[in-house]
Amino acid sequence: MGDYWSFVNPVLETININETPEVFRRTFDSVPRVSGLMYAAHFCQSEVCNGGFDQLFYNGTGVLAPEAAEAFREIGQTRIAALIESAMNLLGNSYPRDWEDRRDRLSEVPRSALDALDNEFYALIESEAGGFQHAADSYVAQAGL
């Protein structure tokens, strides 16, 4: 079994979520794909588990939501990937990576819509594909890394 955190830790200081979406993409693209995906999945689940999709989108980490959806799909948590995409769609047709734009749109989303997605996320994060930790660790082990 692999350890997904061993792929996140080395890129913590490289991937920049706190500036512009362009800086995020450039720094995200500069790291190995598996590390970037594990980073996105880790911080997405950490934010949502701590304060729901509202927290994910409100904070700088919201910039990585599309990559997080991709990461959850890769690790076999496809229902969680679909939930992330559903939450992103609440913010409009084109997901706002810009922090201010995302916060403005978030203020217009009914709390009940986010709460429903949060509850589904909480129900799945530790069960789908054996739970997040298991799925992420298995993914890096299968990648032969």
N, C-alpha and C. Protein backbone atom coordinates (compact mmCIF):
# COMPACT_ATOMS: atom_id res chain seq x y z
N MET A 1 0.85 -1.18 0.00
CA MET A 1 0.00 0.00 0.00
C MET A 1 0.89 1.24 0.00
N GLY A 2 0.52 2.22 -0.79
CA GLY A 2 1.27 3.46 -0.85
C GLY A 2 0.85 4.41 0.26
N ASP A 3 1.47 5.56 0.27
CA ASP A 3 1.12 6.61 1.23
C ASP A 3 0.94 7.89 0.43
N TYR A 4 -0.31 8.27 0.21
CA TYR A 4 -0.58 9.44 -0.64
C TYR A 4 0.07 10.70 -0.10
N TRP A 5 0.18 10.82 1.23
CA TRP A 5 0.75 12.04 1.80
C TRP A 5 2.20 12.24 1.37
N SER A 6 2.90 11.15 1.08
CA SER A 6 4.30 11.28 0.65
C SER A 6 4.38 11.95 -0.73
N PHE A 7 3.26 12.08 -1.42
CA PHE A 7 3.22 12.80 -2.70
C PHE A 7 2.76 14.24 -2.51
N VAL A 8 2.03 14.50 -1.44
CA VAL A 8 1.54 15.84 -1.15
C VAL A 8 2.63 16.67 -0.48
N ASN A 9 3.26 16.13 0.53
CA ASN A 9 4.23 16.87 1.32
C ASN A 9 5.31 17.57 0.50
N PRO A 10 5.92 16.91 -0.48
CA PRO A 10 6.99 17.59 -1.23
C PRO A 10 6.53 18.78 -2.07
N VAL A 11 5.23 18.89 -2.34
CA VAL A 11 4.76 19.99 -3.21
C VAL A 11 4.00 21.06 -2.44
N LEU A 12 3.96 20.94 -1.12
CA LEU A 12 3.22 21.92 -0.31
C LEU A 12 3.70 23.35 -0.54
N GLU A 13 4.97 23.53 -0.71
CA GLU A 13 5.51 24.88 -0.89
C GLU A 13 5.58 25.29 -2.36
N THR A 14 5.26 24.38 -3.25
CA THR A 14 5.35 24.67 -4.69
C THR A 14 4.02 25.13 -5.27
N ILE A 15 2.95 24.41 -4.95
CA ILE A 15 1.64 24.76 -5.50
C ILE A 15 1.10 25.97 -4.74
N ASN A 16 0.75 27.00 -5.48
CA ASN A 16 0.30 28.27 -4.90
C ASN A 16 -1.18 28.47 -5.18
N ILE A 17 -2.00 28.39 -4.14
CA ILE A 17 -3.44 28.59 -4.28
C ILE A 17 -3.87 30.00 -3.89
N ASN A 18 -2.94 30.82 -3.44
CA ASN A 18 -3.29 32.11 -2.84
C ASN A 18 -3.10 33.33 -3.73
N GLU A 19 -2.71 33.12 -4.96
CA GLU A 19 -2.57 34.29 -5.84
C GLU A 19 -3.63 34.19 -6.93
N THR A 20 -3.25 34.32 -8.15
CA THR A 20 -4.21 34.29 -9.25
C THR A 20 -4.45 32.86 -9.73
N PRO A 21 -5.55 32.64 -10.43
CA PRO A 21 -5.76 31.31 -11.01
C PRO A 21 -4.63 30.91 -11.95
N GLU A 22 -4.03 31.87 -12.63
CA GLU A 22 -2.92 31.58 -13.54
C GLU A 22 -1.69 31.09 -12.78
N VAL A 23 -1.41 31.72 -11.65
CA VAL A 23 -0.28 31.28 -10.82
C VAL A 23 -0.57 29.87 -10.29
N PHE A 24 -1.80 29.63 -9.86
CA PHE A 24 -2.14 28.29 -9.41
C PHE A 24 -1.88 27.27 -10.51
N ARG A 25 -2.40 27.51 -11.72
CA ARG A 25 -2.24 26.53 -12.80
C ARG A 25 -0.77 26.32 -13.14
N ARG A 26 -0.01 27.39 -13.17
CA ARG A 26 1.41 27.26 -13.50
C ARG A 26 2.14 26.43 -12.45
N THR A 27 1.86 26.69 -11.17
CA THR A 27 2.55 25.94 -10.12
C THR A 27 2.01 24.52 -10.03
N PHE A 28 0.72 24.33 -10.24
CA PHE A 28 0.14 22.99 -10.24
C PHE A 28 0.74 22.16 -11.38
N ASP A 29 0.85 22.76 -12.55
CA ASP A 29 1.39 22.05 -13.71
C ASP A 29 2.89 21.78 -13.61
N SER A 30 3.56 22.44 -12.65
CA SER A 30 5.01 22.27 -12.52
C SER A 30 5.39 21.04 -11.68
N VAL A 31 4.41 20.44 -11.03
CA VAL A 31 4.71 19.28 -10.17
C VAL A 31 4.27 18.00 -10.88
N PRO A 32 4.77 16.85 -10.46
CA PRO A 32 4.32 15.60 -11.05
C PRO A 32 2.80 15.46 -10.92
N ARG A 33 2.17 14.89 -11.95
CA ARG A 33 0.71 14.81 -12.00
C ARG A 33 0.12 14.15 -10.77
N VAL A 34 0.68 13.02 -10.34
CA VAL A 34 0.15 12.31 -9.17
C VAL A 34 0.23 13.20 -7.93
N SER A 35 1.32 13.92 -7.75
CA SER A 35 1.45 14.81 -6.60
C SER A 35 0.40 15.91 -6.64
N GLY A 36 0.20 16.50 -7.81
CA GLY A 36 -0.80 17.55 -7.94
C GLY A 36 -2.20 17.04 -7.64
N LEU A 37 -2.53 15.88 -8.16
CA LEU A 37 -3.86 15.32 -7.92
C LEU A 37 -4.07 14.98 -6.45
N MET A 38 -3.06 14.41 -5.82
CA MET A 38 -3.18 14.08 -4.40
C MET A 38 -3.30 15.35 -3.54
N TYR A 39 -2.57 16.38 -3.94
CA TYR A 39 -2.67 17.68 -3.26
C TYR A 39 -4.09 18.21 -3.36
N ALA A 40 -4.65 18.20 -4.56
CA ALA A 40 -6.00 18.72 -4.78
C ALA A 40 -7.03 17.91 -3.99
N ALA A 41 -6.94 16.60 -4.05
CA ALA A 41 -7.89 15.75 -3.33
C ALA A 41 -7.78 15.97 -1.82
N HIS A 42 -6.55 16.01 -1.33
CA HIS A 42 -6.34 16.17 0.11
C HIS A 42 -6.96 17.47 0.61
N PHE A 43 -6.64 18.58 -0.06
CA PHE A 43 -7.12 19.86 0.44
C PHE A 43 -8.62 20.04 0.21
N CYS A 44 -9.15 19.46 -0.82
CA CYS A 44 -10.60 19.50 -1.03
C CYS A 44 -11.30 18.77 0.11
N GLN A 45 -10.92 17.53 0.37
CA GLN A 45 -11.61 16.78 1.42
C GLN A 45 -11.39 17.41 2.79
N SER A 46 -10.22 17.98 3.01
CA SER A 46 -9.94 18.63 4.28
C SER A 46 -10.88 19.83 4.49
N GLU A 47 -11.03 20.65 3.47
CA GLU A 47 -11.90 21.83 3.57
C GLU A 47 -13.37 21.43 3.70
N VAL A 48 -13.82 20.51 2.86
CA VAL A 48 -15.23 20.12 2.90
C VAL A 48 -15.55 19.43 4.23
N CYS A 49 -14.67 18.56 4.71
CA CYS A 49 -14.91 17.90 5.99
C CYS A 49 -14.91 18.89 7.15
N ASN A 50 -14.18 19.96 7.03
CA ASN A 50 -14.08 20.96 8.09
C ASN A 50 -15.24 21.96 8.08
N GLY A 51 -15.67 22.37 6.87
CA GLY A 51 -16.70 23.41 6.83
C GLY A 51 -17.61 23.35 5.62
N GLY A 52 -17.61 22.23 4.94
CA GLY A 52 -18.50 22.05 3.79
C GLY A 52 -17.98 22.70 2.52
N PHE A 53 -18.77 22.57 1.46
CA PHE A 53 -18.40 23.17 0.19
C PHE A 53 -18.32 24.69 0.30
N ASP A 54 -19.11 25.27 1.20
CA ASP A 54 -19.05 26.70 1.43
C ASP A 54 -17.63 27.12 1.80
N GLN A 55 -17.00 26.37 2.70
CA GLN A 55 -15.62 26.69 3.11
C GLN A 55 -14.65 26.49 1.96
N LEU A 56 -14.80 25.39 1.23
CA LEU A 56 -13.91 25.13 0.10
C LEU A 56 -13.95 26.30 -0.88
N PHE A 57 -15.16 26.71 -1.26
CA PHE A 57 -15.30 27.76 -2.27
C PHE A 57 -14.94 29.14 -1.74
N TYR A 58 -15.17 29.39 -0.47
CA TYR A 58 -14.89 30.69 0.12
C TYR A 58 -13.38 30.92 0.27
N ASN A 59 -12.66 29.87 0.58
CA ASN A 59 -11.21 29.99 0.79
C ASN A 59 -10.44 29.89 -0.53
N GLY A 60 -9.17 30.18 -0.46
CA GLY A 60 -8.30 30.10 -1.63
C GLY A 60 -8.25 28.72 -2.25
N THR A 61 -8.47 27.69 -1.44
CA THR A 61 -8.44 26.32 -1.95
C THR A 61 -9.49 26.07 -3.03
N GLY A 62 -10.51 26.91 -3.09
CA GLY A 62 -11.55 26.73 -4.10
C GLY A 62 -11.01 26.75 -5.52
N VAL A 63 -9.86 27.35 -5.71
CA VAL A 63 -9.26 27.41 -7.05
C VAL A 63 -8.99 26.01 -7.60
N LEU A 64 -8.80 25.03 -6.72
CA LEU A 64 -8.42 23.70 -7.17
C LEU A 64 -9.59 22.71 -7.29
N ALA A 65 -10.81 23.19 -7.17
CA ALA A 65 -11.97 22.29 -7.22
C ALA A 65 -12.01 21.43 -8.49
N PRO A 66 -11.74 21.99 -9.69
CA PRO A 66 -11.76 21.11 -10.88
C PRO A 66 -10.71 20.00 -10.82
N GLU A 67 -9.54 20.32 -10.31
CA GLU A 67 -8.49 19.29 -10.18
C GLU A 67 -8.87 18.28 -9.11
N ALA A 68 -9.56 18.72 -8.07
CA ALA A 68 -10.01 17.80 -7.03
C ALA A 68 -11.02 16.81 -7.59
N ALA A 69 -11.95 17.29 -8.40
CA ALA A 69 -12.92 16.38 -9.02
C ALA A 69 -12.19 15.33 -9.86
N GLU A 70 -11.21 15.78 -10.63
CA GLU A 70 -10.41 14.85 -11.44
C GLU A 70 -9.70 13.84 -10.54
N ALA A 71 -9.14 14.32 -9.45
CA ALA A 71 -8.40 13.45 -8.54
C ALA A 71 -9.31 12.38 -7.92
N PHE A 72 -10.48 12.78 -7.47
CA PHE A 72 -11.39 11.80 -6.88
C PHE A 72 -11.83 10.77 -7.91
N ARG A 73 -12.00 11.19 -9.13
CA ARG A 73 -12.33 10.24 -10.19
C ARG A 73 -11.18 9.24 -10.37
N GLU A 74 -9.96 9.75 -10.38
CA GLU A 74 -8.77 8.91 -10.56
C GLU A 74 -8.61 7.88 -9.45
N ILE A 75 -8.93 8.26 -8.22
CA ILE A 75 -8.71 7.33 -7.10
C ILE A 75 -9.90 6.39 -6.91
N GLY A 76 -10.92 6.53 -7.74
CA GLY A 76 -12.06 5.61 -7.68
C GLY A 76 -13.22 6.09 -6.84
N GLN A 77 -13.16 7.31 -6.35
CA GLN A 77 -14.28 7.88 -5.62
C GLN A 77 -15.10 8.75 -6.59
N THR A 78 -15.72 8.08 -7.53
CA THR A 78 -16.41 8.76 -8.63
C THR A 78 -17.68 9.48 -8.18
N ARG A 79 -18.34 8.97 -7.17
CA ARG A 79 -19.53 9.66 -6.67
C ARG A 79 -19.15 10.96 -5.99
N ILE A 80 -18.02 10.97 -5.30
CA ILE A 80 -17.54 12.21 -4.69
C ILE A 80 -17.13 13.19 -5.78
N ALA A 81 -16.48 12.71 -6.84
CA ALA A 81 -16.13 13.59 -7.97
C ALA A 81 -17.39 14.25 -8.52
N ALA A 82 -18.45 13.47 -8.67
CA ALA A 82 -19.71 14.02 -9.19
C ALA A 82 -20.31 15.05 -8.23
N LEU A 83 -20.17 14.83 -6.93
CA LEU A 83 -20.66 15.80 -5.95
C LEU A 83 -19.89 17.12 -6.06
N ILE A 84 -18.59 17.03 -6.22
CA ILE A 84 -17.78 18.24 -6.37
C ILE A 84 -18.22 19.00 -7.61
N GLU A 85 -18.44 18.29 -8.70
CA GLU A 85 -18.88 18.93 -9.93
C GLU A 85 -20.28 19.54 -9.76
N SER A 86 -21.15 18.87 -9.04
CA SER A 86 -22.48 19.43 -8.78
C SER A 86 -22.38 20.72 -7.96
N ALA A 87 -21.51 20.71 -6.96
CA ALA A 87 -21.31 21.91 -6.15
C ALA A 87 -20.72 23.04 -7.00
N MET A 88 -19.76 22.71 -7.85
CA MET A 88 -19.17 23.72 -8.73
C MET A 88 -20.24 24.32 -9.65
N ASN A 89 -21.15 23.48 -10.15
CA ASN A 89 -22.19 23.95 -11.07
C ASN A 89 -23.15 24.93 -10.41
N LEU A 90 -23.27 24.87 -9.09
CA LEU A 90 -24.11 25.83 -8.39
C LEU A 90 -23.59 27.26 -8.54
N LEU A 91 -22.31 27.38 -8.88
CA LEU A 91 -21.69 28.70 -9.02
C LEU A 91 -21.76 29.23 -10.46
N GLY A 92 -22.41 28.50 -11.34
CA GLY A 92 -22.58 28.96 -12.71
C GLY A 92 -22.01 28.00 -13.73
N ASN A 93 -22.29 28.30 -14.99
CA ASN A 93 -21.87 27.43 -16.10
C ASN A 93 -20.36 27.29 -16.18
N SER A 94 -19.67 28.36 -15.94
CA SER A 94 -18.21 28.37 -16.01
C SER A 94 -17.69 28.56 -14.58
N TYR A 95 -17.00 27.54 -14.05
CA TYR A 95 -16.55 27.61 -12.66
C TYR A 95 -15.58 28.79 -12.45
N PRO A 96 -15.87 29.64 -11.47
CA PRO A 96 -15.02 30.81 -11.22
C PRO A 96 -13.79 30.48 -10.38
N ARG A 97 -12.65 30.43 -11.01
CA ARG A 97 -11.42 30.17 -10.26
C ARG A 97 -10.96 31.42 -9.51
N ASP A 98 -11.35 32.57 -10.01
CA ASP A 98 -10.99 33.82 -9.34
C ASP A 98 -11.70 33.89 -7.99
N TRP A 99 -10.95 34.17 -6.93
CA TRP A 99 -11.46 34.15 -5.57
C TRP A 99 -12.62 35.12 -5.37
N GLU A 100 -12.48 36.36 -5.81
CA GLU A 100 -13.55 37.34 -5.61
C GLU A 100 -14.80 36.96 -6.38
N ASP A 101 -14.64 36.54 -7.62
CA ASP A 101 -15.78 36.12 -8.43
C ASP A 101 -16.47 34.91 -7.77
N ARG A 102 -15.68 33.97 -7.28
CA ARG A 102 -16.24 32.78 -6.64
C ARG A 102 -17.00 33.17 -5.38
N ARG A 103 -16.48 34.07 -4.59
CA ARG A 103 -17.17 34.51 -3.37
C ARG A 103 -18.47 35.24 -3.70
N ASP A 104 -18.45 36.06 -4.73
CA ASP A 104 -19.67 36.76 -5.13
C ASP A 104 -20.76 35.77 -5.54
N ARG A 105 -20.38 34.80 -6.35
CA ARG A 105 -21.36 33.81 -6.80
C ARG A 105 -21.83 32.94 -5.64
N LEU A 106 -20.92 32.62 -4.74
CA LEU A 106 -21.25 31.78 -3.59
C LEU A 106 -22.34 32.44 -2.74
N SER A 107 -22.29 33.75 -2.64
CA SER A 107 -23.28 34.46 -1.82
C SER A 107 -24.70 34.32 -2.37
N GLU A 108 -24.82 33.93 -3.63
CA GLU A 108 -26.13 33.79 -4.25
C GLU A 108 -26.66 32.35 -4.22
N VAL A 109 -25.85 31.42 -3.75
CA VAL A 109 -26.25 30.01 -3.72
C VAL A 109 -27.04 29.74 -2.44
N PRO A 110 -28.21 29.13 -2.57
CA PRO A 110 -28.99 28.80 -1.37
C PRO A 110 -28.22 27.84 -0.46
N ARG A 111 -28.19 28.17 0.80
CA ARG A 111 -27.46 27.35 1.78
C ARG A 111 -27.95 25.90 1.76
N SER A 112 -29.24 25.71 1.54
CA SER A 112 -29.80 24.35 1.55
C SER A 112 -29.21 23.50 0.43
N ALA A 113 -28.90 24.11 -0.70
CA ALA A 113 -28.31 23.36 -1.82
C ALA A 113 -26.92 22.85 -1.44
N LEU A 114 -26.13 23.69 -0.79
CA LEU A 114 -24.80 23.27 -0.35
C LEU A 114 -24.89 22.25 0.78
N ASP A 115 -25.83 22.46 1.70
CA ASP A 115 -25.98 21.52 2.81
C ASP A 115 -26.28 20.11 2.32
N ALA A 116 -27.14 20.01 1.32
CA ALA A 116 -27.49 18.69 0.78
C ALA A 116 -26.26 17.99 0.19
N LEU A 117 -25.44 18.75 -0.54
CA LEU A 117 -24.22 18.18 -1.12
C LEU A 117 -23.20 17.84 -0.02
N ASP A 118 -23.11 18.70 0.98
CA ASP A 118 -22.22 18.41 2.12
C ASP A 118 -22.59 17.07 2.76
N ASN A 119 -23.87 16.88 3.01
CA ASN A 119 -24.32 15.66 3.68
C ASN A 119 -23.99 14.42 2.85
N GLU A 120 -24.16 14.50 1.55
CA GLU A 120 -23.80 13.37 0.69
C GLU A 120 -22.29 13.12 0.74
N PHE A 121 -21.52 14.20 0.70
CA PHE A 121 -20.05 14.09 0.76
C PHE A 121 -19.64 13.38 2.05
N TYR A 122 -20.19 13.84 3.18
CA TYR A 122 -19.83 13.25 4.47
C TYR A 122 -20.18 11.77 4.52
N ALA A 123 -21.28 11.39 3.89
CA ALA A 123 -21.71 9.99 3.88
C ALA A 123 -20.79 9.11 3.03
N LEU A 124 -20.12 9.72 2.05
CA LEU A 124 -19.31 8.93 1.12
C LEU A 124 -17.81 8.96 1.38
N ILE A 125 -17.29 10.02 1.99
CA ILE A 125 -15.85 10.22 2.04
C ILE A 125 -15.11 9.06 2.72
N GLU A 126 -15.73 8.43 3.70
CA GLU A 126 -15.06 7.32 4.38
C GLU A 126 -15.60 5.96 3.99
N SER A 127 -16.47 5.92 2.97
CA SER A 127 -17.01 4.61 2.57
C SER A 127 -16.75 4.29 1.10
N GLU A 128 -16.92 5.25 0.21
CA GLU A 128 -16.76 4.94 -1.21
C GLU A 128 -15.33 4.49 -1.49
N ALA A 129 -15.19 3.38 -2.21
CA ALA A 129 -13.89 2.82 -2.58
C ALA A 129 -12.99 2.57 -1.36
N GLY A 130 -13.61 2.24 -0.23
CA GLY A 130 -12.84 1.95 0.98
C GLY A 130 -12.49 3.17 1.80
N GLY A 131 -12.98 4.34 1.41
CA GLY A 131 -12.68 5.58 2.12
C GLY A 131 -11.55 6.33 1.46
N PHE A 132 -11.48 7.62 1.74
CA PHE A 132 -10.50 8.48 1.07
C PHE A 132 -9.06 8.00 1.25
N GLN A 133 -8.65 7.79 2.49
CA GLN A 133 -7.25 7.40 2.75
C GLN A 133 -6.90 6.12 1.99
N HIS A 134 -7.76 5.12 2.08
CA HIS A 134 -7.52 3.85 1.40
C HIS A 134 -7.46 4.05 -0.11
N ALA A 135 -8.42 4.79 -0.66
CA ALA A 135 -8.47 4.99 -2.10
C ALA A 135 -7.24 5.75 -2.60
N ALA A 136 -6.84 6.79 -1.87
CA ALA A 136 -5.67 7.59 -2.27
C ALA A 136 -4.39 6.76 -2.15
N ASP A 137 -4.24 6.04 -1.06
CA ASP A 137 -3.05 5.20 -0.88
C ASP A 137 -2.99 4.10 -1.94
N SER A 138 -4.12 3.49 -2.25
CA SER A 138 -4.16 2.45 -3.27
C SER A 138 -3.81 3.02 -4.64
N TYR A 139 -4.28 4.21 -4.92
CA TYR A 139 -4.00 4.85 -6.21
C TYR A 139 -2.49 5.05 -6.38
N VAL A 140 -1.83 5.60 -5.39
CA VAL A 140 -0.38 5.83 -5.55
C VAL A 140 0.38 4.52 -5.59
N ALA A 141 -0.11 3.50 -4.90
CA ALA A 141 0.55 2.19 -4.96
C ALA A 141 0.37 1.57 -6.35
N GLN A 142 -0.80 1.67 -6.92
CA GLN A 142 -1.06 1.10 -8.24
C GLN A 142 -0.32 1.86 -9.32
N ALA A 143 -0.07 3.14 -9.08
CA ALA A 143 0.67 3.93 -10.04
C ALA A 143 2.14 3.51 -10.06
N GLY A 144 2.51 2.65 -9.11
CA GLY A 144 3.88 2.15 -9.05
C GLY A 144 4.88 3.20 -8.62
N LEU A 145 4.41 4.10 -7.80
CA LEU A 145 5.26 5.21 -7.41
C LEU A 145 5.76 5.06 -5.99
